Protein backbone atom coordinates (compact mmCIF):
# COMPACT_ATOMS: atom_id res chain seq x y z
CA MET A 1 16.66 -9.77 8.91
CA ARG A 2 18.48 -11.29 5.99
CA SER A 3 21.79 -12.96 6.52
CA GLU A 4 24.90 -11.54 4.86
CA LYS A 5 24.99 -14.52 2.50
CA GLY A 6 21.37 -13.84 1.50
CA GLN A 7 22.16 -10.17 0.90
CA VAL A 8 25.18 -11.03 -1.24
CA THR A 9 23.10 -13.52 -3.24
CA GLN A 10 20.39 -10.89 -3.76
CA ILE A 11 22.97 -8.31 -4.91
CA ILE A 12 24.48 -10.82 -7.37
CA GLN A 13 21.04 -11.74 -8.72
CA ASN A 14 20.08 -8.08 -9.14
CA THR A 15 23.39 -7.29 -10.85
CA LEU A 16 23.04 -10.25 -13.24
CA GLY A 17 19.46 -9.22 -13.98
CA VAL A 18 20.53 -5.66 -14.83
CA VAL A 19 23.41 -6.93 -17.00
CA LEU A 20 21.08 -9.34 -18.83
CA VAL A 21 18.45 -6.68 -19.47
CA GLY A 22 21.17 -4.28 -20.62
CA PHE A 23 22.57 -6.90 -23.00
CA ILE A 24 19.12 -7.62 -24.45
CA LEU A 25 18.45 -3.90 -24.92
CA PHE A 26 21.84 -3.49 -26.61
CA LEU A 27 21.06 -6.37 -28.98
CA LEU A 28 17.65 -4.87 -29.77
CA TYR A 29 19.27 -1.50 -30.41
CA ARG A 30 21.85 -3.05 -32.76
CA LEU A 31 19.15 -5.06 -34.54
CA ILE A 32 16.97 -1.99 -35.05
CA LEU A 33 19.97 0.05 -36.22
CA PHE A 34 21.01 -2.68 -38.64
CA SER A 35 17.45 -2.99 -39.93
CA LEU A 36 17.11 0.74 -40.52
CA VAL A 37 20.39 0.92 -42.41
CA HIS A 38 19.65 -2.10 -44.58
CA ILE A 39 15.86 -1.86 -44.84
CA GLU A 40 15.86 -1.17 -48.58
CA THR A 41 17.91 -4.27 -49.37
CA MET A 42 16.12 -6.59 -46.94
CA ASN A 43 13.48 -9.09 -47.93
CA PRO A 44 10.01 -7.74 -46.94
CA ASN A 45 9.20 -11.09 -45.29
CA VAL A 46 12.26 -10.73 -43.04
CA VAL A 47 11.24 -7.16 -42.10
CA ALA A 48 7.71 -8.34 -41.28
CA ALA A 49 9.11 -11.21 -39.20
CA LEU A 50 11.43 -8.82 -37.32
CA ILE A 51 8.58 -6.43 -36.56
CA ALA A 52 6.35 -9.30 -35.41
CA GLY A 53 9.15 -10.73 -33.27
CA LEU A 54 9.94 -7.37 -31.66
CA SER A 55 6.25 -6.76 -31.00
CA ALA A 56 5.86 -10.19 -29.41
CA LEU A 57 8.99 -9.74 -27.32
CA THR A 58 7.92 -6.29 -26.16
CA GLY A 59 4.43 -7.56 -25.37
CA TYR A 60 5.88 -10.45 -23.39
CA PHE A 61 8.10 -8.23 -21.24
CA VAL A 62 5.35 -5.67 -20.67
CA SER A 63 2.83 -8.34 -19.67
CA ARG A 64 5.38 -10.03 -17.33
CA TYR A 65 6.15 -6.66 -15.72
CA LEU A 66 2.46 -5.87 -15.19
CA GLU A 67 1.78 -9.39 -13.92
CA ARG A 68 4.66 -9.15 -11.44
CA LYS A 69 3.54 -5.70 -10.30
CA LYS A 70 0.00 -6.96 -9.72
CA MET A 71 1.30 -9.99 -7.81
CA VAL A 72 3.44 -7.79 -5.53
CA GLU A 73 0.49 -5.47 -4.89
CA GLN A 74 -1.69 -8.47 -3.99
CA GLU A 75 0.95 -9.84 -1.61
CA LEU A 76 1.26 -6.45 0.08
CA ARG A 77 -2.52 -6.17 0.36
CA GLU A 78 -2.64 -9.60 2.02
CA LYS A 79 -0.14 -8.36 4.63
CA LYS A 80 -1.83 -5.01 5.19
CA ILE A 81 -5.46 -6.04 5.59
CA PRO A 82 -5.03 -8.15 8.78
CA THR A 83 -2.89 -5.38 10.29
CA TYR A 84 -5.60 -2.78 9.66
CA GLU A 85 -8.41 -5.12 10.73
CA ASP A 86 -6.72 -5.81 14.08
CA PHE A 87 -6.15 -2.12 14.69
CA ILE A 88 -9.70 -1.11 13.79
CA GLU A 89 -11.05 -3.95 15.95
CA THR A 90 -9.07 -2.57 18.91
CA ILE A 91 -10.41 0.95 18.41
CA PHE A 92 -14.03 -0.12 17.89
CA ARG A 93 -13.84 -2.32 20.99
CA GLN A 94 -13.10 0.85 22.91
CA PHE A 95 -16.09 2.57 21.29
CA LYS A 96 -18.25 -0.31 22.55
CA GLY A 97 -16.87 0.17 26.05
CA ASP A 98 -15.04 -3.17 25.89
CA LYS A 99 -11.76 -1.54 26.73
CA PRO A 100 -8.74 -3.81 26.77
CA SER A 101 -6.33 -3.67 29.69
CA GLU A 102 -3.57 -1.07 29.51
CA GLU A 103 -0.99 -3.81 28.81
CA GLU A 104 -3.10 -5.37 26.04
CA LEU A 105 -3.77 -1.99 24.44
CA GLU A 106 -0.09 -1.08 24.54
CA SER A 107 0.85 -4.46 23.07
CA ARG A 108 -1.69 -4.14 20.25
CA MET A 109 -0.58 -0.59 19.45
CA LEU A 110 3.10 -1.57 19.38
CA ASP A 111 2.23 -4.47 17.09
CA PHE A 112 0.35 -2.09 14.81
CA HIS A 113 3.25 0.36 14.80
CA LYS A 114 5.74 -2.38 13.93
CA LYS A 115 3.62 -3.71 11.08
CA SER A 116 2.77 -0.22 9.82
CA ILE A 117 6.40 0.76 9.58
CA ILE A 118 6.95 -2.24 7.31
CA TRP A 119 3.72 -2.42 5.27
CA SER A 120 1.96 0.95 5.32
CA SER A 121 2.36 3.74 2.80
CA ASP A 122 3.62 7.17 3.77
CA LYS A 123 0.07 8.56 3.52
CA ILE A 124 -1.25 5.98 5.96
CA ILE A 125 1.52 6.62 8.48
CA ARG A 126 1.13 10.40 8.29
CA SER A 127 -2.65 10.21 8.59
CA TYR A 128 -2.35 7.85 11.56
CA LEU A 129 0.22 10.04 13.31
CA LYS A 130 -1.92 13.14 12.84
CA TRP A 131 -4.89 11.38 14.45
CA ARG A 132 -2.71 9.84 17.19
CA ARG A 133 -1.15 13.19 18.16
CA THR A 134 -4.62 14.67 18.55
CA THR A 135 -5.79 11.67 20.58
CA VAL A 136 -2.76 11.71 22.89
CA LYS A 137 -3.24 15.45 23.40
CA ALA A 138 -6.94 14.87 24.20
CA VAL A 139 -6.03 12.29 26.85
CA SER A 140 -3.69 14.71 28.64
CA THR A 141 -5.82 17.80 27.99
CA PRO A 142 -9.47 16.89 27.36
CA PRO A 143 -11.06 18.71 24.42
CA LYS A 144 -12.37 22.12 25.43
CA ASN A 145 -15.37 22.07 23.15
CA HIS A 146 -17.43 19.95 20.83
CA GLN A 147 -15.50 21.12 17.76
CA GLU A 148 -12.24 19.62 19.06
CA GLN A 149 -13.99 16.28 19.63
CA VAL A 150 -15.46 16.39 16.12
CA GLU A 151 -12.02 17.16 14.68
CA MET A 152 -10.53 14.15 16.50
CA VAL A 153 -13.21 11.85 15.06
CA GLY A 154 -12.69 13.52 11.67
CA LEU A 155 -8.98 12.74 11.72
CA PHE A 156 -9.78 9.12 12.54
CA ALA A 157 -12.21 9.10 9.61
CA ASP A 158 -9.48 10.50 7.34
CA PHE A 159 -7.21 7.69 8.51
CA LEU A 160 -9.88 5.08 7.73
CA ILE A 161 -10.38 6.56 4.25
CA GLU A 162 -6.64 6.29 3.60
CA ILE A 163 -6.80 2.65 4.69
CA ARG A 164 -9.65 2.03 2.25
CA LYS A 165 -7.58 3.55 -0.56
CA GLU A 166 -4.56 1.45 0.33
CA VAL A 167 -6.40 -1.87 0.36
CA GLY A 168 -7.87 -1.38 -3.10
CA TYR A 169 -10.57 1.28 -3.05
CA ASN A 170 -8.36 3.86 -4.76
CA LYS A 171 -11.28 5.80 -6.18
CA THR A 172 -13.44 5.73 -3.08
CA LYS A 173 -16.16 8.36 -3.02
CA ILE A 174 -16.79 7.98 0.72
CA LYS A 175 -16.42 11.29 2.46
CA ARG A 176 -15.07 12.10 5.90
CA GLU A 177 -18.55 12.97 7.18
CA GLU A 178 -19.97 9.60 6.12
CA ILE A 179 -17.28 7.68 8.01
CA MET A 180 -17.78 9.99 11.00
CA GLU A 181 -21.50 9.25 10.92
CA MET A 182 -20.78 5.51 11.03
CA ILE A 183 -18.34 5.94 13.93
CA ILE A 184 -20.66 8.14 15.96
CA LYS A 185 -23.68 5.86 15.34
CA ASP A 186 -21.65 2.80 16.37
CA SER A 187 -20.47 4.61 19.48
CA ARG A 188 -23.97 5.80 20.43
CA THR A 189 -25.47 2.37 19.76
CA SER A 190 -22.96 0.70 22.07
CA GLU A 191 -23.55 3.34 24.76
CA SER A 192 -27.33 2.77 24.67
CA THR A 193 -26.95 -1.01 24.88
CA GLN A 194 -24.69 -0.70 27.94
CA ARG A 195 -27.27 1.31 29.90
């Protein structure tokens, strides 16, 4: 958690940033207004220089904004990927029959929950919770039929697709059934190697 001093500093910096941006926008507004009123009497070279300057200034701020946005997205991605990799590793270990102890599993799940609350999008959290509710229900009341088992694997596949979207594959064409096929094949392969 941030200290109070750090929070106050952040508030002051944000306030100064807003005031500075507001002041710059006000100056631009006044300059544009002045230019429009006096455009007929102004030297064409001055008008061209003003337009070029405004274009350059606008381009600079837009490029800085996009650059900053991309940098933040990259930093978030760098935090998310290890979280998702650890979680998926835990689940696939169970598919292989290499089940961690109850304490280790609980520790890994709590770690995932903690990191997800901080780094994951709403879609990821909702998709995970939907799959988790079904899984917890299946542990207490085993699925009655094959369709319920398929739905549980399908919800896990939906969760994995959301993870793919969040880490950069926004336009993924992978379908639920394709992920399910990979999960089921991995599970069957590990079962056959254990026999």
